[in-house]
Amino acid sequence: MHKSTPCPRWVAGWAISLFALLAVVSASSANAATFANPIVPADGTGGTADPSIVYRSGFYYWARSLNGNSIAIAKAKRLQDLGMAPQIVVYTAPSGTPYSKNLWAPELQYLNGQWYLYFAADDGNNANHRMYALQASTQNPQGGWAFRGKLAPPTDSWAIDGTVLQKDDGSLYFIWSGWRGLNDGFPQRLYIASMSNPTTISGERVEISSPTLPWETEVAAIQEGPSVIQKNGRINLVYSASASWTDSYKLGLLINTDGHVLNPASWVKKSQPVFVSNPDAQAFGVGHNGFVKSPNGKQDWLVYHATSTSGAGWAGRNIRAQRFSWRPNNTPKFGQPVAVGAWINEPAGSPGDSHLRFEAADVSANYLRHARGRARLDANVTPIEDSLWRQVPGLNDPHAVSFESVNFPGHYLRHRNGEVWKDASDGSALFKADATWRKRPGQGDGAGVSFEASNFPGSFLRHRNGLFYSEALGTPLDRDDATFYER
């Protein structure tokens, strides 16, 4: 059986591990160019696992499973800030379907100018796990998504951990972990099939690898979590082996030798694992990795989950990141896991802070700012800090958002009597509710964002005559005034 279990909803008082907290402190101190692992602490009975992170247009996006039936996406300008960013639920599987339950390991990808999400789910029976696809409605992955159906070859068997390989010639291939038959169980093998588009498998599956080596079968015979990285025409497929619920979890590598990805003989397995547990670094059960670029595009980063203590199992999984290098043959060289708490230079080109500005969609170069406590829309804001906000998990709902002033820490954007102000938090339930907003696709432009008052459904943050209000939207002009671009 696969390693993932539903991750429960975060609560407002979620605990941050000591070293994650140190990383936060470092990010806001003079030594802002370093961070420490883990970047996301363990969360709930299933831990925080199977990281899928994409960097695009100035932001890192991280997709995760929630409650066994939903997918949330967090967004931050810096990789190390993803654990502090609001996790916006973008999809909840409808009940009573073959994909209502046990939603595992969502994979976020940007292909051919569009965002896609791939996930495994079932109807409550593990043997019925299959892969499914979503497509974003806009260029905003925290916005709307459309369900595109099941991805399955003619031989339709148990399938999890799907990802898409796009070759340099643009051709697409789906790679996943599966069973040979309907009820085989272990071993889990790796399969590939051609695709006619990012949501359609167009050919029969081909088995490209099976767990045969001792380190792949140490606890259970498993190959899963495939992740592709290419360099100078070389296709590398990194996978997770053995049992994720134990310290034996590790990474292996398949190398494609000639570009014929549908030919099993063209894939060569490394005889030894390429990334393993390191007790001295408090890194146990390392696995289910992904890859992401630095903001300047010049560095490659490995993201993966591990536990900080031996035998912690699924519940102890947290997310970590570290830079890796390349061998002369264009295969990745990961080295050893970096120790928990060790300072790491942040990805090259990262901004000094993860603050945001909110530009009005209908008034170019005008931004949400505070002036004498009132929320206003202005151009040429001086000082610029008056228009900088930290988007944090909602004060009364971690899957909504609150806006903390950069130059007035502890002050938040809140509505009162229909007007919007920057006020100091008094810690009351009313303040927390008034300062919490639900992030929605832009009401006037789906590529932007809008914010609905958490405690007044249908009432949105909008500007009018240079001031901000929380109001219902009745006209196209209202909807435009309630739409913003995150900068």
Protein backbone atom coordinates (compact mmCIF):
# COMPACT_ATOMS: atom_id res chain seq x y z
CA MET A 1 0.00 0.00 0.00
CA HIS A 2 1.15 3.53 -0.74
CA LYS A 3 2.58 5.73 1.95
CA SER A 4 0.27 8.74 1.88
CA THR A 5 -2.62 9.26 4.24
CA PRO A 6 -5.04 12.17 4.31
CA CYS A 7 -3.49 15.30 5.81
CA PRO A 8 -5.89 16.98 8.24
CA ARG A 9 -6.82 20.65 8.04
CA TRP A 10 -4.33 22.96 9.70
CA VAL A 11 -5.65 24.86 12.67
CA ALA A 12 -4.86 28.46 13.53
CA GLY A 13 -2.57 27.43 16.34
CA TRP A 14 -0.52 24.96 14.37
CA ALA A 15 2.82 24.19 15.97
CA ILE A 16 6.03 25.21 14.23
CA SER A 17 9.10 23.12 14.92
CA LEU A 18 12.06 24.79 16.58
CA PHE A 19 14.19 24.86 13.46
CA ALA A 20 11.37 25.99 11.21
CA LEU A 21 10.91 28.87 13.63
CA LEU A 22 14.63 29.63 13.48
CA ALA A 23 14.35 29.75 9.72
CA VAL A 24 11.56 32.29 10.00
CA VAL A 25 13.62 34.40 12.39
CA SER A 26 16.61 34.24 10.04
CA ALA A 27 14.49 35.35 7.11
CA SER A 28 13.50 38.52 8.95
CA SER A 29 16.91 39.28 10.42
CA ALA A 30 20.09 40.78 9.05
CA ASN A 31 21.10 37.29 7.90
CA ALA A 32 18.20 37.13 5.46
CA ALA A 33 20.13 35.12 2.85
CA THR A 34 19.91 31.84 4.78
CA PHE A 35 17.25 29.45 6.02
CA ALA A 36 17.15 26.14 7.85
CA ASN A 37 15.28 22.91 7.16
CA PRO A 38 12.54 21.91 7.45
CA ILE A 39 10.79 24.58 5.40
CA VAL A 40 7.37 23.09 6.25
CA PRO A 41 6.88 21.32 9.59
CA ALA A 42 5.10 18.02 10.08
CA ASP A 43 1.34 18.47 10.15
CA GLY A 44 -1.17 16.07 11.65
CA THR A 45 -1.47 12.30 11.51
CA GLY A 46 -0.24 12.06 7.91
CA GLY A 47 2.61 14.51 8.27
CA THR A 48 3.46 16.93 5.49
CA ALA A 49 4.53 14.80 2.57
CA ASP A 50 5.07 14.41 -1.17
CA PRO A 51 6.11 17.98 -2.01
CA SER A 52 5.22 19.29 -5.46
CA ILE A 53 6.60 22.81 -5.96
CA VAL A 54 6.77 24.93 -9.11
CA TYR A 55 8.48 28.32 -9.56
CA ARG A 56 6.86 30.63 -12.09
CA SER A 57 6.57 34.37 -12.70
CA GLY A 58 8.19 35.38 -9.42
CA PHE A 59 6.41 32.94 -7.10
CA TYR A 60 6.84 29.45 -5.69
CA TYR A 61 3.64 27.37 -5.68
CA TRP A 62 3.27 24.29 -3.48
CA ALA A 63 0.41 21.79 -3.85
CA ARG A 64 -0.67 19.46 -1.06
CA SER A 65 -3.48 17.10 -0.11
CA LEU A 66 -5.89 18.07 2.67
CA ASN A 67 -8.48 16.03 4.54
CA GLY A 68 -8.16 13.17 2.07
CA ASN A 69 -10.48 14.86 -0.44
CA SER A 70 -9.06 18.31 -1.22
CA ILE A 71 -6.05 20.02 -2.77
CA ALA A 72 -4.59 23.26 -1.42
CA ILE A 73 -1.96 25.51 -2.98
CA ALA A 74 0.37 27.86 -1.10
CA LYS A 75 2.20 30.74 -2.76
CA ALA A 76 5.33 32.62 -1.71
CA LYS A 77 8.11 34.67 -3.28
CA ARG A 78 10.74 32.67 -1.39
CA LEU A 79 11.04 28.90 -1.21
CA GLN A 80 11.63 28.95 2.54
CA ASP A 81 8.40 30.89 3.16
CA LEU A 82 5.98 28.31 1.75
CA GLY A 83 5.38 26.81 5.19
CA MET A 84 4.13 30.18 6.47
CA ALA A 85 1.96 30.99 3.44
CA PRO A 86 -1.83 30.53 3.39
CA GLN A 87 -2.89 27.21 1.92
CA ILE A 88 -5.80 28.01 -0.39
CA VAL A 89 -8.14 25.10 -1.15
CA VAL A 90 -8.53 25.00 -4.93
CA TYR A 91 -10.34 21.70 -5.35
CA THR A 92 -12.56 19.41 -3.29
CA ALA A 93 -13.60 16.10 -4.81
CA PRO A 94 -17.38 15.62 -4.93
CA SER A 95 -18.76 12.90 -2.69
CA GLY A 96 -20.06 9.65 -4.11
CA THR A 97 -17.55 9.41 -6.96
CA PRO A 98 -14.71 6.97 -7.71
CA TYR A 99 -12.29 9.75 -6.67
CA SER A 100 -13.97 11.09 -3.51
CA LYS A 101 -11.53 9.69 -0.97
CA ASN A 102 -7.86 9.08 -0.20
CA LEU A 103 -6.65 11.86 -2.48
CA TRP A 104 -2.87 11.46 -2.52
CA ALA A 105 0.21 13.35 -3.67
CA PRO A 106 -1.15 16.10 -5.95
CA GLU A 107 1.40 16.95 -8.65
CA LEU A 108 1.43 20.55 -9.91
CA GLN A 109 2.83 21.14 -13.41
CA TYR A 110 2.90 23.96 -15.96
CA LEU A 111 2.68 22.55 -19.49
CA ASN A 112 2.10 24.22 -22.85
CA GLY A 113 1.09 27.50 -21.24
CA GLN A 114 -1.40 26.01 -18.76
CA TRP A 115 -1.44 24.81 -15.16
CA TYR A 116 -2.36 21.19 -14.44
CA LEU A 117 -2.82 19.11 -11.29
CA TYR A 118 -2.57 15.33 -11.22
CA PHE A 119 -3.76 13.31 -8.23
CA ALA A 120 -4.54 9.76 -7.17
CA ALA A 121 -7.84 9.00 -5.43
CA ASP A 122 -10.34 6.21 -4.82
CA ASP A 123 -13.83 5.53 -3.48
CA GLY A 124 -12.60 4.31 -0.10
CA ASN A 125 -11.17 1.05 -1.44
CA ASN A 126 -7.39 1.30 -2.00
CA ALA A 127 -7.54 -1.20 -4.89
CA ASN A 128 -9.56 1.38 -6.82
CA HIS A 129 -6.89 4.09 -6.74
CA ARG A 130 -6.55 5.75 -10.16
CA MET A 131 -5.03 8.96 -11.53
CA TYR A 132 -7.09 12.05 -12.33
CA ALA A 133 -6.36 15.46 -13.85
CA LEU A 134 -7.42 19.06 -13.26
CA GLN A 135 -6.75 22.08 -15.49
CA ALA A 136 -6.59 25.65 -14.20
CA SER A 137 -9.09 28.10 -15.66
CA THR A 138 -6.55 30.96 -15.70
CA GLN A 139 -2.86 31.66 -15.16
CA ASN A 140 -3.55 31.91 -11.42
CA PRO A 141 -3.08 28.44 -9.86
CA GLN A 142 -4.83 29.60 -6.68
CA GLY A 143 -7.93 30.35 -8.75
CA GLY A 144 -10.47 28.12 -10.47
CA TRP A 145 -9.84 24.59 -11.72
CA ALA A 146 -11.79 22.27 -14.02
CA PHE A 147 -11.94 18.49 -13.58
CA ARG A 148 -10.63 16.77 -16.74
CA GLY A 149 -11.27 13.15 -15.82
CA LYS A 150 -9.35 9.94 -15.30
CA LEU A 151 -5.99 9.22 -16.91
CA ALA A 152 -5.78 5.54 -17.73
CA PRO A 153 -4.28 3.35 -20.48
CA PRO A 154 -6.23 0.41 -21.95
CA THR A 155 -4.81 -1.75 -19.16
CA ASP A 156 -6.55 0.15 -16.38
CA SER A 157 -5.06 -0.92 -13.06
CA TRP A 158 -4.13 0.59 -9.68
CA ALA A 159 -2.21 3.83 -10.22
CA ILE A 160 -0.70 6.57 -8.04
CA ASP A 161 1.96 9.33 -8.13
CA GLY A 162 1.50 10.40 -11.73
CA THR A 163 3.70 13.02 -13.41
CA VAL A 164 4.21 14.24 -16.97
CA LEU A 165 7.47 14.04 -18.90
CA GLN A 166 7.70 16.57 -21.71
CA LYS A 167 10.63 15.88 -24.00
CA ASP A 168 12.58 18.59 -25.76
CA ASP A 169 10.54 17.94 -28.91
CA GLY A 170 7.32 18.76 -27.02
CA SER A 171 5.97 15.19 -26.87
CA LEU A 172 4.21 14.22 -23.65
CA TYR A 173 4.35 11.03 -21.58
CA PHE A 174 2.62 10.07 -18.35
CA ILE A 175 4.71 8.22 -15.74
CA TRP A 176 3.26 6.65 -12.59
CA SER A 177 3.53 3.88 -10.02
CA GLY A 178 1.18 0.92 -10.40
CA TRP A 179 0.31 -2.74 -10.13
CA ARG A 180 0.46 -5.22 -12.96
CA GLY A 181 -3.01 -6.54 -12.23
CA LEU A 182 -6.12 -5.26 -10.49
CA ASN A 183 -5.34 -6.66 -7.04
CA ASP A 184 -1.63 -7.48 -7.12
CA GLY A 185 -0.41 -5.24 -4.32
CA PHE A 186 3.36 -5.27 -3.99
CA PRO A 187 5.54 -4.92 -5.91
CA GLN A 188 4.74 -1.43 -7.14
CA ARG A 189 6.34 -0.75 -10.51
CA LEU A 190 6.93 2.29 -12.73
CA TYR A 191 4.93 2.68 -15.93
CA ILE A 192 4.92 5.11 -18.85
CA ALA A 193 2.41 5.85 -21.63
CA SER A 194 2.22 8.38 -24.45
CA MET A 195 -0.17 11.34 -24.17
CA SER A 196 -2.05 13.24 -26.89
CA ASN A 197 -2.43 16.24 -24.58
CA PRO A 198 -1.77 16.97 -20.88
CA THR A 199 -5.00 15.29 -19.76
CA THR A 200 -5.25 12.31 -22.13
CA ILE A 201 -3.26 9.06 -22.24
CA SER A 202 -3.19 7.88 -25.87
CA GLY A 203 -1.33 4.57 -25.75
CA GLU A 204 -0.85 1.38 -23.80
CA ARG A 205 1.31 1.46 -20.71
CA VAL A 206 4.88 0.18 -20.72
CA GLU A 207 6.60 -1.12 -17.61
CA ILE A 208 10.00 0.55 -17.43
CA SER A 209 11.20 -0.57 -14.01
CA SER A 210 10.46 -2.96 -11.18
CA PRO A 211 11.88 -3.11 -7.62
CA THR A 212 14.46 -5.89 -7.79
CA LEU A 213 17.47 -4.67 -5.80
CA PRO A 214 17.83 -5.25 -2.04
CA TRP A 215 17.59 -1.56 -1.19
CA GLU A 216 14.33 -1.29 -3.19
CA THR A 217 12.74 -4.17 -1.31
CA GLU A 218 14.18 -3.65 2.16
CA VAL A 219 10.74 -3.48 3.82
CA ALA A 220 8.37 -3.65 0.85
CA ALA A 221 8.98 -3.95 -2.90
CA ILE A 222 8.09 -0.42 -4.01
CA GLN A 223 9.01 2.06 -6.73
CA GLU A 224 6.88 5.22 -6.60
CA GLY A 225 6.98 9.04 -6.61
CA PRO A 226 8.62 9.41 -10.06
CA SER A 227 10.09 12.85 -10.74
CA VAL A 228 11.72 13.89 -14.01
CA ILE A 229 14.66 16.23 -14.48
CA GLN A 230 16.44 16.79 -17.79
CA LYS A 231 19.80 18.32 -18.66
CA ASN A 232 21.49 18.66 -22.06
CA GLY A 233 19.16 16.07 -23.58
CA ARG A 234 19.66 13.51 -20.79
CA ILE A 235 16.39 12.35 -19.19
CA ASN A 236 16.73 11.43 -15.52
CA LEU A 237 13.88 9.77 -13.64
CA VAL A 238 14.30 9.90 -9.86
CA TYR A 239 11.97 7.64 -7.86
CA SER A 240 11.33 6.62 -4.26
CA ALA A 241 12.00 3.05 -3.18
CA SER A 242 11.05 0.74 -0.32
CA ALA A 243 8.52 1.66 2.39
CA SER A 244 7.71 5.32 3.04
CA TRP A 245 6.44 4.57 6.55
CA THR A 246 9.94 3.45 7.62
CA ASP A 247 13.48 4.83 7.73
CA SER A 248 14.28 2.66 4.67
CA TYR A 249 12.67 5.09 2.20
CA LYS A 250 15.22 6.45 -0.26
CA LEU A 251 15.73 7.75 -3.81
CA GLY A 252 16.81 5.77 -6.83
CA LEU A 253 17.63 6.86 -10.39
CA LEU A 254 16.70 5.64 -13.86
CA ILE A 255 18.63 7.10 -16.80
CA ASN A 256 17.21 7.13 -20.31
CA THR A 257 20.04 6.40 -22.71
CA ASP A 258 18.67 7.22 -26.18
CA GLY A 259 15.44 9.22 -25.95
CA HIS A 260 13.23 6.21 -26.67
CA VAL A 261 11.24 6.53 -23.48
CA LEU A 262 8.66 3.86 -24.41
CA ASN A 263 11.39 1.22 -24.74
CA PRO A 264 12.16 -0.44 -21.37
CA ALA A 265 15.66 -1.34 -22.61
CA SER A 266 16.43 2.38 -22.96
CA TRP A 267 16.15 2.89 -19.19
CA VAL A 268 19.15 1.98 -17.03
CA LYS A 269 18.78 1.72 -13.27
CA LYS A 270 21.58 2.87 -11.00
CA SER A 271 22.69 -0.06 -8.88
CA GLN A 272 22.85 2.03 -5.70
CA PRO A 273 20.43 4.60 -4.25
CA VAL A 274 21.26 8.25 -4.93
CA PHE A 275 19.86 9.81 -1.73
CA VAL A 276 19.49 8.05 1.62
CA SER A 277 18.73 8.68 5.28
CA ASN A 278 21.38 10.40 7.37
CA PRO A 279 20.89 9.97 11.14
CA ASP A 280 23.54 12.60 11.88
CA ALA A 281 21.43 15.14 9.97
CA GLN A 282 18.11 14.11 11.59
CA ALA A 283 16.96 12.94 8.17
CA PHE A 284 15.13 9.62 8.14
CA GLY A 285 12.98 8.09 5.41
CA VAL A 286 13.99 10.61 2.75
CA GLY A 287 11.84 10.42 -0.36
CA HIS A 288 9.04 11.49 -2.70
CA ASN A 289 11.03 14.36 -4.11
CA GLY A 290 10.49 17.12 -6.63
CA PHE A 291 12.73 19.62 -8.40
CA VAL A 292 12.51 23.39 -8.63
CA LYS A 293 14.64 26.24 -9.99
CA SER A 294 16.02 29.24 -8.13
CA PRO A 295 14.42 32.61 -8.99
CA ASN A 296 17.35 33.51 -11.25
CA GLY A 297 17.02 30.19 -13.09
CA LYS A 298 20.65 29.22 -12.49
CA GLN A 299 20.34 26.75 -9.62
CA ASP A 300 18.58 23.40 -9.25
CA TRP A 301 16.95 22.53 -5.95
CA LEU A 302 15.80 19.22 -4.53
CA VAL A 303 12.65 19.23 -2.38
CA TYR A 304 11.70 16.11 -0.46
CA HIS A 305 10.11 14.86 2.73
CA ALA A 306 11.81 13.20 5.68
CA THR A 307 11.28 12.70 9.39
CA SER A 308 13.47 14.22 12.10
CA THR A 309 13.49 11.14 14.35
CA SER A 310 13.91 7.47 13.59
CA GLY A 311 10.70 5.47 13.41
CA ALA A 312 8.45 8.55 13.25
CA GLY A 313 6.41 7.08 10.39
CA TRP A 314 4.02 9.05 8.22
CA ALA A 315 3.04 11.50 10.95
CA GLY A 316 6.59 12.83 11.29
CA ARG A 317 7.12 13.78 7.65
CA ASN A 318 8.19 17.34 6.99
CA ILE A 319 9.37 19.14 3.85
CA ARG A 320 12.98 20.09 3.18
CA ALA A 321 14.96 21.75 0.40
CA GLN A 322 18.60 21.81 -0.63
CA ARG A 323 20.61 22.70 -3.70
CA PHE A 324 22.21 19.94 -5.79
CA SER A 325 24.86 19.75 -8.50
CA TRP A 326 25.45 17.77 -11.68
CA ARG A 327 27.84 15.06 -12.75
CA PRO A 328 29.74 15.29 -16.06
CA ASN A 329 27.30 12.77 -17.61
CA ASN A 330 24.34 15.12 -16.91
CA THR A 331 22.92 13.09 -14.03
CA PRO A 332 22.09 14.74 -10.68
CA LYS A 333 24.43 14.62 -7.71
CA PHE A 334 22.45 15.09 -4.49
CA GLY A 335 25.05 14.40 -1.83
CA GLN A 336 23.68 13.87 1.69
CA PRO A 337 20.66 15.44 3.38
CA VAL A 338 21.51 18.77 4.99
CA ALA A 339 21.16 18.63 8.76
CA VAL A 340 18.09 20.01 10.48
CA GLY A 341 18.89 23.50 11.71
CA ALA A 342 21.96 23.96 9.50
CA TRP A 343 21.92 27.30 7.72
CA ILE A 344 21.55 27.07 3.94
CA ASN A 345 22.03 29.86 1.43
CA GLU A 346 18.65 30.65 -0.07
CA PRO A 347 18.00 30.11 -3.80
CA ALA A 348 19.88 32.64 -5.91
CA GLY A 349 17.82 35.65 -6.89
CA SER A 350 15.39 35.37 -3.96
CA PRO A 351 13.89 38.73 -2.92
CA GLY A 352 14.76 40.19 0.46
CA ASP A 353 11.28 39.64 1.85
CA SER A 354 8.15 37.77 0.87
CA HIS A 355 5.87 40.80 1.04
CA LEU A 356 3.25 41.58 -1.60
CA ARG A 357 1.75 44.65 -3.22
CA PHE A 358 -1.80 44.60 -4.57
CA GLU A 359 -2.29 46.53 -7.79
CA ALA A 360 -5.83 47.47 -8.82
CA ALA A 361 -6.75 45.60 -11.99
CA ASP A 362 -8.66 48.57 -13.37
CA VAL A 363 -6.30 51.39 -12.27
CA SER A 364 -2.78 50.57 -13.42
CA ALA A 365 0.12 51.31 -11.03
CA ASN A 366 -2.26 52.09 -8.15
CA TYR A 367 -1.84 50.00 -5.02
CA LEU A 368 -3.62 49.08 -1.82
CA ARG A 369 -1.95 51.07 0.97
CA HIS A 370 -2.68 52.41 4.44
CA ALA A 371 -2.64 56.11 5.34
CA ARG A 372 -3.46 57.25 8.88
CA GLY A 373 -4.97 53.81 9.39
CA ARG A 374 -7.40 53.95 6.46
CA ALA A 375 -7.03 51.59 3.50
CA ARG A 376 -6.60 53.64 0.31
CA LEU A 377 -5.76 53.20 -3.36
CA ASP A 378 -2.83 55.36 -4.46
CA ALA A 379 -0.01 55.63 -6.97
CA ASN A 380 3.56 56.61 -6.07
CA VAL A 381 3.16 55.45 -2.47
CA THR A 382 5.67 57.08 -0.09
CA PRO A 383 7.02 55.44 1.91
CA ILE A 384 6.60 52.32 -0.19
CA GLU A 385 6.30 50.24 2.99
CA ASP A 386 2.77 51.64 3.40
CA SER A 387 1.77 49.48 0.42
CA LEU A 388 3.62 46.30 1.45
CA TRP A 389 1.70 43.46 3.08
CA ARG A 390 2.52 40.02 4.37
CA GLN A 391 -0.18 37.58 3.27
CA VAL A 392 -0.45 35.18 6.20
CA PRO A 393 -2.85 32.34 7.10
CA GLY A 394 -6.22 33.77 8.08
CA LEU A 395 -6.43 34.73 11.77
CA ASN A 396 -9.56 32.61 12.14
CA ASP A 397 -9.04 30.17 9.23
CA PRO A 398 -5.61 28.96 8.06
CA HIS A 399 -7.00 28.28 4.58
CA ALA A 400 -8.08 31.88 4.19
CA VAL A 401 -5.76 34.92 4.33
CA SER A 402 -5.02 37.93 6.49
CA PHE A 403 -2.91 40.94 5.53
CA GLU A 404 -0.29 42.09 8.02
CA SER A 405 1.29 45.49 7.50
CA VAL A 406 5.03 45.25 6.81
CA ASN A 407 5.88 48.47 8.63
CA PHE A 408 3.32 47.98 11.42
CA PRO A 409 3.74 44.37 12.57
CA GLY A 410 0.66 43.11 14.41
CA HIS A 411 -1.59 45.45 12.41
CA TYR A 412 -3.96 43.85 9.93
CA LEU A 413 -6.34 44.88 7.17
CA ARG A 414 -9.85 44.50 8.59
CA HIS A 415 -13.35 45.71 7.83
CA ARG A 416 -15.54 47.53 10.32
CA ASN A 417 -18.88 49.14 9.52
CA GLY A 418 -18.23 48.44 5.85
CA GLU A 419 -14.98 50.42 5.78
CA VAL A 420 -11.51 48.85 5.59
CA TRP A 421 -8.79 49.90 8.03
CA LYS A 422 -5.33 48.86 9.18
CA ASP A 423 -5.82 48.14 12.86
CA ALA A 424 -3.77 46.58 15.63
CA SER A 425 -5.03 43.16 16.57
CA ASP A 426 -6.70 43.02 19.96
CA GLY A 427 -6.78 39.22 19.87
CA SER A 428 -10.56 39.07 19.98
CA ALA A 429 -12.63 36.61 17.97
CA LEU A 430 -14.40 39.55 16.30
CA PHE A 431 -11.13 41.13 15.16
CA LYS A 432 -9.84 37.82 13.82
CA ALA A 433 -13.05 37.32 11.85
CA ASP A 434 -13.06 40.89 10.49
CA ALA A 435 -9.39 40.55 9.44
CA THR A 436 -9.84 37.25 7.59
CA TRP A 437 -10.56 37.11 3.87
CA ARG A 438 -11.25 34.23 1.54
CA LYS A 439 -9.09 34.32 -1.56
CA ARG A 440 -11.16 34.01 -4.74
CA PRO A 441 -10.46 34.15 -8.48
CA GLY A 442 -10.57 37.75 -9.68
CA GLN A 443 -14.21 38.78 -10.02
CA GLY A 444 -13.38 41.07 -12.95
CA ASP A 445 -10.42 39.12 -14.34
CA GLY A 446 -9.83 35.48 -13.47
CA ALA A 447 -6.07 35.97 -13.76
CA GLY A 448 -6.26 38.33 -10.78
CA VAL A 449 -7.53 37.77 -7.26
CA SER A 450 -10.41 39.00 -5.15
CA PHE A 451 -10.97 38.77 -1.40
CA GLU A 452 -14.31 37.92 0.20
CA ALA A 453 -14.95 38.81 3.82
CA SER A 454 -14.81 35.60 5.84
CA ASN A 455 -17.70 36.56 8.11
CA PHE A 456 -19.79 38.36 5.47
CA PRO A 457 -20.16 36.02 2.47
CA GLY A 458 -20.78 37.93 -0.72
CA SER A 459 -19.01 41.05 0.55
CA PHE A 460 -15.67 41.77 -1.14
CA LEU A 461 -12.68 44.03 -0.60
CA ARG A 462 -13.04 46.77 -3.24
CA HIS A 463 -11.91 50.33 -3.88
CA ARG A 464 -14.29 53.22 -4.50
CA ASN A 465 -13.34 56.87 -4.88
CA GLY A 466 -9.84 56.13 -3.63
CA LEU A 467 -10.91 54.34 -0.44
CA PHE A 468 -11.48 50.69 0.40
CA TYR A 469 -14.72 49.08 1.53
CA SER A 470 -16.16 45.63 2.12
CA GLU A 471 -19.25 45.51 -0.08
CA ALA A 472 -21.42 43.30 -2.25
CA LEU A 473 -20.66 43.43 -5.95
CA GLY A 474 -23.58 44.24 -8.21
CA THR A 475 -22.14 45.61 -11.45
CA PRO A 476 -19.20 44.91 -13.77
CA LEU A 477 -17.55 48.07 -12.40
CA ASP A 478 -17.91 46.72 -8.86
CA ARG A 479 -16.27 43.47 -9.89
CA ASP A 480 -13.40 45.29 -11.59
CA ASP A 481 -12.90 47.43 -8.46
CA ALA A 482 -12.64 44.22 -6.41
CA THR A 483 -9.94 42.62 -8.58
CA PHE A 484 -6.20 42.90 -7.93
CA TYR A 485 -2.88 41.62 -9.21
CA GLU A 486 -0.36 40.36 -6.69
CA ARG A 487 3.03 41.96 -7.26
